Amino acid sequence: MAHPLSVTIVVGVVAGLVVSGAFIVALKRRISDDIYHAAFRRWRSWCWLVGVIFLPVLAGALPTMLAVMVLSLLCFREYARATGLFREKTICAVVSLGILLVTFAAVDHWQDDRL
C-alpha cells in the first residue's frame, strides 16, 4: 500500500461495506426475515469477494496476474456450463490454454514494462 490512492480505495471500500452492513442491520425490524437473511447473505459474500480481490492487488503485480488468471478460468467454466459449451472439449481446451498463455505472456514481460 505504498501509493496513497491504494489507501484511499481500501478505506473507501471498507467504509462502504461497513455502512451497508449497518444499514442492513438497521432495517432488520422493518423488513421480513427472509429479505433480511438474503440481504445479509449477499453482503457477506461481497465481504469475501472484496477480500479475495484486494489481497492479490495489494500484494503486487504477480499475485494480481495470477488472480486474474484464476478468475478468468473460473468465469469461463461457469460460462461453458451455462451455455452448454462444456460438451465441446476441444473448444474448452483451446480457450483454457489461451487464458494460460496470455497469463504466461503477461508474467513473462511484466518487468519489461517498467523500463
N, C-alpha and C. Protein backbone atom coordinates (compact mmCIF):
# COMPACT_ATOMS: atom_id res chain seq x y z
N MET A 1 0.83 -1.18 0.00
CA MET A 1 0.00 0.00 0.00
C MET A 1 0.88 1.24 0.00
N ALA A 2 1.85 1.22 -0.88
CA ALA A 2 2.78 2.33 -0.96
C ALA A 2 2.16 3.57 -1.59
N HIS A 3 1.20 3.39 -2.44
CA HIS A 3 0.59 4.51 -3.14
C HIS A 3 -0.60 5.05 -2.33
N PRO A 4 -0.72 6.37 -2.19
CA PRO A 4 -1.82 6.95 -1.42
C PRO A 4 -3.20 6.60 -1.97
N LEU A 5 -3.30 6.40 -3.28
CA LEU A 5 -4.58 6.04 -3.87
C LEU A 5 -5.03 4.66 -3.39
N SER A 6 -4.07 3.76 -3.19
CA SER A 6 -4.40 2.42 -2.67
C SER A 6 -5.06 2.53 -1.31
N VAL A 7 -4.50 3.36 -0.46
CA VAL A 7 -5.08 3.55 0.88
C VAL A 7 -6.48 4.13 0.77
N THR A 8 -6.65 5.11 -0.08
CA THR A 8 -7.96 5.75 -0.26
C THR A 8 -9.00 4.75 -0.75
N ILE A 9 -8.63 3.94 -1.73
CA ILE A 9 -9.57 2.96 -2.27
C ILE A 9 -9.93 1.92 -1.22
N VAL A 10 -8.94 1.41 -0.52
CA VAL A 10 -9.21 0.39 0.51
C VAL A 10 -10.10 0.95 1.60
N VAL A 11 -9.79 2.14 2.08
CA VAL A 11 -10.61 2.76 3.13
C VAL A 11 -12.02 3.01 2.62
N GLY A 12 -12.16 3.48 1.39
CA GLY A 12 -13.48 3.75 0.83
C GLY A 12 -14.32 2.50 0.69
N VAL A 13 -13.73 1.43 0.18
CA VAL A 13 -14.49 0.19 0.00
C VAL A 13 -14.85 -0.42 1.35
N VAL A 14 -13.91 -0.44 2.28
CA VAL A 14 -14.21 -0.99 3.61
C VAL A 14 -15.28 -0.14 4.30
N ALA A 15 -15.20 1.16 4.17
CA ALA A 15 -16.23 2.03 4.75
C ALA A 15 -17.59 1.75 4.11
N GLY A 16 -17.60 1.56 2.80
CA GLY A 16 -18.85 1.22 2.12
C GLY A 16 -19.44 -0.08 2.61
N LEU A 17 -18.59 -1.07 2.85
CA LEU A 17 -19.08 -2.35 3.38
C LEU A 17 -19.62 -2.19 4.80
N VAL A 18 -18.93 -1.41 5.62
CA VAL A 18 -19.39 -1.20 6.99
C VAL A 18 -20.73 -0.46 7.00
N VAL A 19 -20.84 0.58 6.20
CA VAL A 19 -22.09 1.36 6.15
C VAL A 19 -23.23 0.50 5.62
N SER A 20 -22.98 -0.25 4.56
CA SER A 20 -24.06 -1.08 4.01
C SER A 20 -24.45 -2.19 4.98
N GLY A 21 -23.48 -2.76 5.70
CA GLY A 21 -23.81 -3.77 6.71
C GLY A 21 -24.63 -3.18 7.84
N ALA A 22 -24.25 -1.99 8.28
CA ALA A 22 -25.01 -1.32 9.34
C ALA A 22 -26.42 -0.97 8.86
N PHE A 23 -26.54 -0.59 7.60
CA PHE A 23 -27.85 -0.28 7.02
C PHE A 23 -28.74 -1.51 7.00
N ILE A 24 -28.19 -2.65 6.64
CA ILE A 24 -28.96 -3.90 6.62
C ILE A 24 -29.42 -4.26 8.03
N VAL A 25 -28.52 -4.13 9.00
CA VAL A 25 -28.88 -4.44 10.39
C VAL A 25 -29.93 -3.45 10.89
N ALA A 26 -29.80 -2.18 10.51
CA ALA A 26 -30.78 -1.18 10.96
C ALA A 26 -32.16 -1.44 10.38
N LEU A 27 -32.22 -2.02 9.20
CA LEU A 27 -33.52 -2.31 8.57
C LEU A 27 -34.13 -3.63 9.02
N LYS A 28 -33.46 -4.32 9.90
CA LYS A 28 -33.91 -5.66 10.30
C LYS A 28 -35.36 -5.68 10.79
N ARG A 29 -35.75 -4.69 11.53
CA ARG A 29 -37.12 -4.66 12.09
C ARG A 29 -38.17 -4.24 11.06
N ARG A 30 -37.75 -3.58 10.00
CA ARG A 30 -38.70 -3.07 9.01
C ARG A 30 -38.92 -4.02 7.84
N ILE A 31 -38.07 -5.02 7.71
CA ILE A 31 -38.19 -5.95 6.59
C ILE A 31 -38.42 -7.36 7.12
N SER A 32 -38.90 -8.23 6.26
CA SER A 32 -39.16 -9.60 6.68
C SER A 32 -37.84 -10.34 6.93
N ASP A 33 -37.94 -11.43 7.68
CA ASP A 33 -36.74 -12.21 7.98
C ASP A 33 -36.09 -12.78 6.72
N ASP A 34 -36.92 -13.19 5.76
CA ASP A 34 -36.37 -13.75 4.52
C ASP A 34 -35.55 -12.72 3.76
N ILE A 35 -36.08 -11.51 3.66
CA ILE A 35 -35.36 -10.44 2.95
C ILE A 35 -34.10 -10.06 3.72
N TYR A 36 -34.21 -10.00 5.03
CA TYR A 36 -33.04 -9.66 5.86
C TYR A 36 -31.93 -10.69 5.66
N HIS A 37 -32.27 -11.96 5.75
CA HIS A 37 -31.25 -13.01 5.61
C HIS A 37 -30.66 -13.03 4.20
N ALA A 38 -31.49 -12.77 3.19
CA ALA A 38 -30.98 -12.71 1.81
C ALA A 38 -30.02 -11.53 1.65
N ALA A 39 -30.39 -10.37 2.18
CA ALA A 39 -29.53 -9.19 2.08
C ALA A 39 -28.23 -9.40 2.85
N PHE A 40 -28.34 -9.98 4.03
CA PHE A 40 -27.14 -10.22 4.84
C PHE A 40 -26.23 -11.24 4.16
N ARG A 41 -26.80 -12.26 3.54
CA ARG A 41 -26.01 -13.27 2.82
C ARG A 41 -25.27 -12.62 1.65
N ARG A 42 -25.95 -11.74 0.92
CA ARG A 42 -25.29 -11.05 -0.20
C ARG A 42 -24.19 -10.12 0.30
N TRP A 43 -24.46 -9.42 1.40
CA TRP A 43 -23.45 -8.53 1.96
C TRP A 43 -22.22 -9.32 2.39
N ARG A 44 -22.44 -10.46 3.03
CA ARG A 44 -21.33 -11.30 3.47
C ARG A 44 -20.52 -11.81 2.28
N SER A 45 -21.20 -12.16 1.19
CA SER A 45 -20.47 -12.63 0.00
C SER A 45 -19.63 -11.49 -0.59
N TRP A 46 -20.15 -10.25 -0.54
CA TRP A 46 -19.36 -9.12 -1.01
C TRP A 46 -18.13 -8.90 -0.14
N CYS A 47 -18.26 -9.13 1.15
CA CYS A 47 -17.10 -9.01 2.04
C CYS A 47 -16.02 -10.01 1.63
N TRP A 48 -16.41 -11.24 1.35
CA TRP A 48 -15.45 -12.25 0.89
C TRP A 48 -14.84 -11.86 -0.44
N LEU A 49 -15.66 -11.40 -1.38
CA LEU A 49 -15.15 -11.02 -2.69
C LEU A 49 -14.13 -9.88 -2.60
N VAL A 50 -14.44 -8.90 -1.76
CA VAL A 50 -13.51 -7.77 -1.59
C VAL A 50 -12.18 -8.27 -1.05
N GLY A 51 -12.24 -9.15 -0.06
CA GLY A 51 -11.00 -9.70 0.50
C GLY A 51 -10.21 -10.50 -0.52
N VAL A 52 -10.90 -11.33 -1.28
CA VAL A 52 -10.23 -12.17 -2.27
C VAL A 52 -9.61 -11.33 -3.38
N ILE A 53 -10.23 -10.23 -3.75
CA ILE A 53 -9.68 -9.38 -4.81
C ILE A 53 -8.60 -8.43 -4.27
N PHE A 54 -8.84 -7.85 -3.10
CA PHE A 54 -7.88 -6.89 -2.56
C PHE A 54 -6.54 -7.52 -2.20
N LEU A 55 -6.54 -8.72 -1.67
CA LEU A 55 -5.28 -9.32 -1.23
C LEU A 55 -4.26 -9.42 -2.36
N PRO A 56 -4.60 -10.02 -3.51
CA PRO A 56 -3.58 -10.06 -4.57
C PRO A 56 -3.24 -8.69 -5.15
N VAL A 57 -4.23 -7.81 -5.24
CA VAL A 57 -3.95 -6.48 -5.79
C VAL A 57 -2.97 -5.72 -4.89
N LEU A 58 -3.17 -5.82 -3.60
CA LEU A 58 -2.27 -5.13 -2.68
C LEU A 58 -0.93 -5.84 -2.54
N ALA A 59 -0.89 -7.13 -2.87
CA ALA A 59 0.36 -7.89 -2.76
C ALA A 59 1.32 -7.60 -3.91
N GLY A 60 0.81 -7.11 -5.02
CA GLY A 60 1.71 -6.77 -6.12
C GLY A 60 1.21 -7.24 -7.47
N ALA A 61 2.07 -7.05 -8.48
CA ALA A 61 1.68 -7.33 -9.86
C ALA A 61 1.52 -8.83 -10.13
N LEU A 62 2.48 -9.63 -9.70
CA LEU A 62 2.42 -11.06 -9.98
C LEU A 62 1.20 -11.72 -9.34
N PRO A 63 0.94 -11.50 -8.05
CA PRO A 63 -0.27 -12.10 -7.48
C PRO A 63 -1.55 -11.62 -8.16
N THR A 64 -1.56 -10.37 -8.62
CA THR A 64 -2.74 -9.86 -9.33
C THR A 64 -2.93 -10.59 -10.66
N MET A 65 -1.85 -10.79 -11.40
CA MET A 65 -1.95 -11.50 -12.67
C MET A 65 -2.43 -12.93 -12.46
N LEU A 66 -1.93 -13.59 -11.43
CA LEU A 66 -2.36 -14.96 -11.15
C LEU A 66 -3.82 -15.00 -10.71
N ALA A 67 -4.24 -14.01 -9.94
CA ALA A 67 -5.64 -13.96 -9.52
C ALA A 67 -6.56 -13.73 -10.71
N VAL A 68 -6.14 -12.89 -11.65
CA VAL A 68 -6.94 -12.65 -12.85
C VAL A 68 -7.02 -13.93 -13.68
N MET A 69 -5.94 -14.69 -13.74
CA MET A 69 -5.95 -15.95 -14.47
C MET A 69 -6.95 -16.93 -13.84
N VAL A 70 -6.88 -17.08 -12.52
CA VAL A 70 -7.80 -17.99 -11.84
C VAL A 70 -9.24 -17.54 -12.04
N LEU A 71 -9.48 -16.24 -11.90
CA LEU A 71 -10.83 -15.71 -12.11
C LEU A 71 -11.30 -15.95 -13.54
N SER A 72 -10.41 -15.77 -14.51
CA SER A 72 -10.77 -16.00 -15.91
C SER A 72 -11.14 -17.46 -16.16
N LEU A 73 -10.36 -18.37 -15.61
CA LEU A 73 -10.66 -19.80 -15.78
C LEU A 73 -11.99 -20.17 -15.13
N LEU A 74 -12.22 -19.64 -13.94
CA LEU A 74 -13.49 -19.93 -13.25
C LEU A 74 -14.68 -19.33 -14.00
N CYS A 75 -14.51 -18.11 -14.50
CA CYS A 75 -15.61 -17.47 -15.25
C CYS A 75 -15.90 -18.23 -16.54
N PHE A 76 -14.85 -18.66 -17.24
CA PHE A 76 -15.08 -19.42 -18.47
C PHE A 76 -15.77 -20.75 -18.16
N ARG A 77 -15.36 -21.40 -17.08
CA ARG A 77 -16.00 -22.66 -16.70
C ARG A 77 -17.49 -22.46 -16.44
N GLU A 78 -17.82 -21.38 -15.74
CA GLU A 78 -19.24 -21.08 -15.47
C GLU A 78 -19.99 -20.76 -16.76
N TYR A 79 -19.36 -19.99 -17.64
CA TYR A 79 -19.98 -19.65 -18.92
C TYR A 79 -20.21 -20.92 -19.75
N ALA A 80 -19.21 -21.79 -19.79
CA ALA A 80 -19.32 -23.03 -20.57
C ALA A 80 -20.44 -23.90 -20.02
N ARG A 81 -20.58 -23.93 -18.72
CA ARG A 81 -21.65 -24.71 -18.10
C ARG A 81 -23.02 -24.12 -18.42
N ALA A 82 -23.12 -22.81 -18.37
CA ALA A 82 -24.42 -22.15 -18.59
C ALA A 82 -24.88 -22.25 -20.04
N THR A 83 -23.94 -22.28 -20.97
CA THR A 83 -24.30 -22.28 -22.38
C THR A 83 -24.25 -23.66 -23.03
N GLY A 84 -23.77 -24.65 -22.30
CA GLY A 84 -23.63 -25.99 -22.87
C GLY A 84 -22.35 -26.17 -23.65
N LEU A 85 -21.48 -25.18 -23.61
CA LEU A 85 -20.21 -25.26 -24.33
C LEU A 85 -19.28 -26.32 -23.75
N PHE A 86 -19.53 -26.73 -22.50
CA PHE A 86 -18.67 -27.72 -21.85
C PHE A 86 -18.66 -29.05 -22.62
N ARG A 87 -19.67 -29.28 -23.45
CA ARG A 87 -19.71 -30.51 -24.24
C ARG A 87 -18.66 -30.51 -25.36
N GLU A 88 -18.23 -29.33 -25.75
CA GLU A 88 -17.21 -29.18 -26.80
C GLU A 88 -15.83 -29.14 -26.14
N LYS A 89 -15.25 -30.30 -25.95
CA LYS A 89 -13.99 -30.41 -25.21
C LYS A 89 -12.84 -29.66 -25.88
N THR A 90 -12.79 -29.70 -27.20
CA THR A 90 -11.70 -29.04 -27.92
C THR A 90 -11.75 -27.53 -27.73
N ILE A 91 -12.92 -26.96 -27.87
CA ILE A 91 -13.07 -25.51 -27.70
C ILE A 91 -12.70 -25.11 -26.28
N CYS A 92 -13.17 -25.86 -25.30
CA CYS A 92 -12.86 -25.55 -23.90
C CYS A 92 -11.36 -25.65 -23.64
N ALA A 93 -10.72 -26.65 -24.22
CA ALA A 93 -9.28 -26.81 -24.04
C ALA A 93 -8.52 -25.64 -24.68
N VAL A 94 -8.94 -25.22 -25.86
CA VAL A 94 -8.27 -24.12 -26.56
C VAL A 94 -8.44 -22.81 -25.78
N VAL A 95 -9.64 -22.55 -25.29
CA VAL A 95 -9.88 -21.31 -24.53
C VAL A 95 -9.07 -21.33 -23.24
N SER A 96 -9.07 -22.46 -22.54
CA SER A 96 -8.31 -22.56 -21.30
C SER A 96 -6.81 -22.39 -21.56
N LEU A 97 -6.32 -23.02 -22.61
CA LEU A 97 -4.92 -22.86 -22.98
C LEU A 97 -4.62 -21.40 -23.34
N GLY A 98 -5.54 -20.75 -24.03
CA GLY A 98 -5.36 -19.33 -24.36
C GLY A 98 -5.26 -18.46 -23.11
N ILE A 99 -6.10 -18.73 -22.12
CA ILE A 99 -6.04 -17.98 -20.86
C ILE A 99 -4.69 -18.19 -20.20
N LEU A 100 -4.23 -19.44 -20.17
CA LEU A 100 -2.93 -19.74 -19.56
C LEU A 100 -1.78 -19.07 -20.31
N LEU A 101 -1.84 -19.09 -21.64
CA LEU A 101 -0.77 -18.47 -22.44
C LEU A 101 -0.75 -16.95 -22.31
N VAL A 102 -1.91 -16.33 -22.27
CA VAL A 102 -1.96 -14.87 -22.08
C VAL A 102 -1.39 -14.51 -20.71
N THR A 103 -1.72 -15.30 -19.70
CA THR A 103 -1.17 -15.06 -18.37
C THR A 103 0.34 -15.23 -18.37
N PHE A 104 0.82 -16.30 -19.01
CA PHE A 104 2.27 -16.51 -19.08
C PHE A 104 2.95 -15.35 -19.79
N ALA A 105 2.37 -14.86 -20.88
CA ALA A 105 2.96 -13.73 -21.60
C ALA A 105 3.00 -12.48 -20.73
N ALA A 106 1.94 -12.26 -19.96
CA ALA A 106 1.91 -11.09 -19.08
C ALA A 106 2.95 -11.22 -17.97
N VAL A 107 3.05 -12.40 -17.38
CA VAL A 107 4.01 -12.63 -16.29
C VAL A 107 5.44 -12.56 -16.83
N ASP A 108 5.65 -13.09 -18.02
CA ASP A 108 6.99 -13.14 -18.61
C ASP A 108 7.53 -11.75 -18.91
N HIS A 109 6.66 -10.80 -19.24
CA HIS A 109 7.12 -9.47 -19.66
C HIS A 109 6.70 -8.34 -18.73
N TRP A 110 6.18 -8.64 -17.57
CA TRP A 110 5.65 -7.55 -16.75
C TRP A 110 6.73 -6.62 -16.24
N GLN A 111 7.95 -7.11 -16.04
CA GLN A 111 9.01 -6.20 -15.59
C GLN A 111 9.56 -5.37 -16.73
N ASP A 112 9.39 -5.83 -17.97
CA ASP A 112 9.85 -5.05 -19.13
C ASP A 112 9.08 -3.74 -19.25
N ASP A 113 7.85 -3.72 -18.76
CA ASP A 113 7.03 -2.51 -18.86
C ASP A 113 7.58 -1.39 -17.98
N ARG A 114 8.39 -1.73 -17.02
CA ARG A 114 8.91 -0.71 -16.09
C ARG A 114 10.13 0.00 -16.66
N LEU A 115 10.71 -0.54 -17.70
CA LEU A 115 11.93 0.06 -18.25
C LEU A 115 11.65 1.30 -19.05
